[in-house]
Protein backbone atom coordinates (compact mmCIF):
# COMPACT_ATOMS: atom_id res chain seq x y z
CA MET A 1 -48.14 -54.96 -2.65
CA ALA A 2 -46.00 -52.04 -3.85
CA THR A 3 -43.77 -54.47 -5.72
CA THR A 4 -46.76 -55.89 -7.58
CA MET A 5 -47.89 -52.40 -8.59
CA PHE A 6 -44.37 -51.56 -9.73
CA SER A 7 -44.16 -54.78 -11.76
CA GLU A 8 -47.53 -54.13 -13.36
CA GLN A 9 -46.55 -50.55 -14.22
CA LEU A 10 -43.25 -51.72 -15.68
CA LEU A 11 -45.02 -54.33 -17.78
CA TYR A 12 -47.55 -51.75 -18.95
CA ASP A 13 -44.78 -49.30 -19.85
CA VAL A 14 -42.80 -51.89 -21.81
CA ASN A 15 -45.91 -53.10 -23.64
CA SER A 16 -46.77 -49.53 -24.64
CA LEU A 17 -43.45 -49.18 -26.50
CA PRO A 18 -42.94 -50.03 -30.18
CA LEU A 19 -41.73 -53.59 -30.77
CA THR A 20 -38.16 -52.46 -31.50
CA ALA A 21 -38.02 -50.50 -28.26
CA GLN A 22 -39.45 -53.48 -26.35
CA ARG A 23 -36.61 -55.64 -27.66
CA GLN A 24 -34.08 -52.99 -26.64
CA ALA A 25 -35.60 -52.81 -23.16
CA LEU A 26 -35.42 -56.60 -22.81
CA ASP A 27 -31.84 -56.63 -24.10
CA PHE A 28 -30.93 -54.00 -21.53
CA ILE A 29 -32.56 -56.00 -18.75
CA GLU A 30 -30.60 -59.09 -19.83
CA PHE A 31 -27.41 -57.01 -19.85
CA LEU A 32 -28.10 -55.77 -16.31
CA LYS A 33 -28.87 -59.28 -15.06
CA TYR A 34 -25.64 -60.59 -16.58
CA ARG A 35 -23.58 -57.69 -15.26
CA TYR A 36 -24.79 -57.94 -11.68
CA THR A 37 -24.71 -61.73 -11.67
CA GLN A 38 -21.09 -61.65 -12.85
CA LYS A 39 -20.11 -59.13 -10.16
CA THR A 40 -21.72 -61.25 -7.47
CA GLU A 41 -20.10 -64.45 -8.75
CA HIS A 42 -16.73 -62.72 -9.14
CA ALA A 43 -16.85 -61.36 -5.59
CA PHE A 44 -17.79 -64.80 -4.27
CA ARG A 45 -14.99 -66.53 -6.21
CA LYS A 46 -12.50 -63.89 -5.11
CA LYS A 47 -13.40 -64.42 -1.45
CA THR A 48 -13.51 -68.19 -1.59
CA SER A 49 -10.68 -69.12 -3.91
CA LEU A 50 -7.72 -66.79 -3.72
CA LYS A 51 -4.86 -68.50 -5.46
CA SER A 52 -1.27 -67.45 -5.14
CA ILE A 53 0.28 -66.22 -8.38
CA GLU A 54 3.30 -68.34 -7.53
CA ASP A 55 1.16 -71.42 -8.20
CA GLU A 56 0.46 -70.36 -11.79
CA PRO A 57 2.18 -72.49 -14.45
CA PHE A 58 3.78 -69.53 -16.22
CA VAL A 59 5.83 -68.51 -13.17
CA GLY A 60 9.42 -69.60 -13.67
CA MET A 61 9.06 -70.56 -17.31
CA TRP A 62 12.27 -68.70 -18.21
CA LYS A 63 14.27 -69.59 -15.12
CA ASP A 64 16.78 -71.70 -17.07
CA ARG A 65 17.47 -69.10 -19.77
CA SER A 66 20.77 -67.32 -19.19
CA ASP A 67 19.76 -64.38 -21.42
CA MET A 68 16.82 -63.64 -19.10
CA LYS A 69 18.79 -63.27 -15.88
CA ASP A 70 18.85 -59.47 -16.31
CA SER A 71 15.47 -58.69 -17.85
CA SER A 72 16.17 -54.96 -18.20
CA SER A 73 19.30 -55.65 -20.22
CA TRP A 74 17.45 -58.22 -22.32
CA VAL A 75 14.68 -55.73 -23.18
CA ARG A 76 17.20 -52.97 -23.89
CA ASN A 77 19.11 -55.22 -26.32
CA LEU A 78 15.90 -56.42 -27.95
CA ARG A 79 14.76 -52.85 -28.55
CA LYS A 80 18.19 -51.86 -29.84
CA ASN A 81 18.19 -54.76 -32.32
CA GLU A 82 14.64 -54.05 -33.50
CA TRP A 83 14.65 -50.25 -33.67
CA GLY A 84 18.31 -49.33 -33.76
């Protein structure tokens, strides 16, 4: 019963606002619904489908490049060539 009274009061409050403010209130409610739905879905996906980063297609994409064997040296040389 308290929920019904709260819902009725909320509806009354929103309806008493100017039309622009009503739209803003509805936009905010949609934002909150999206935000909390996304968090719930993200938490569920994270728990149910953890995937190892090693299985990602980008891992190992430079394994055959001899200039990438020492990445620190490669970056140092790249910066030196670009910025002197």
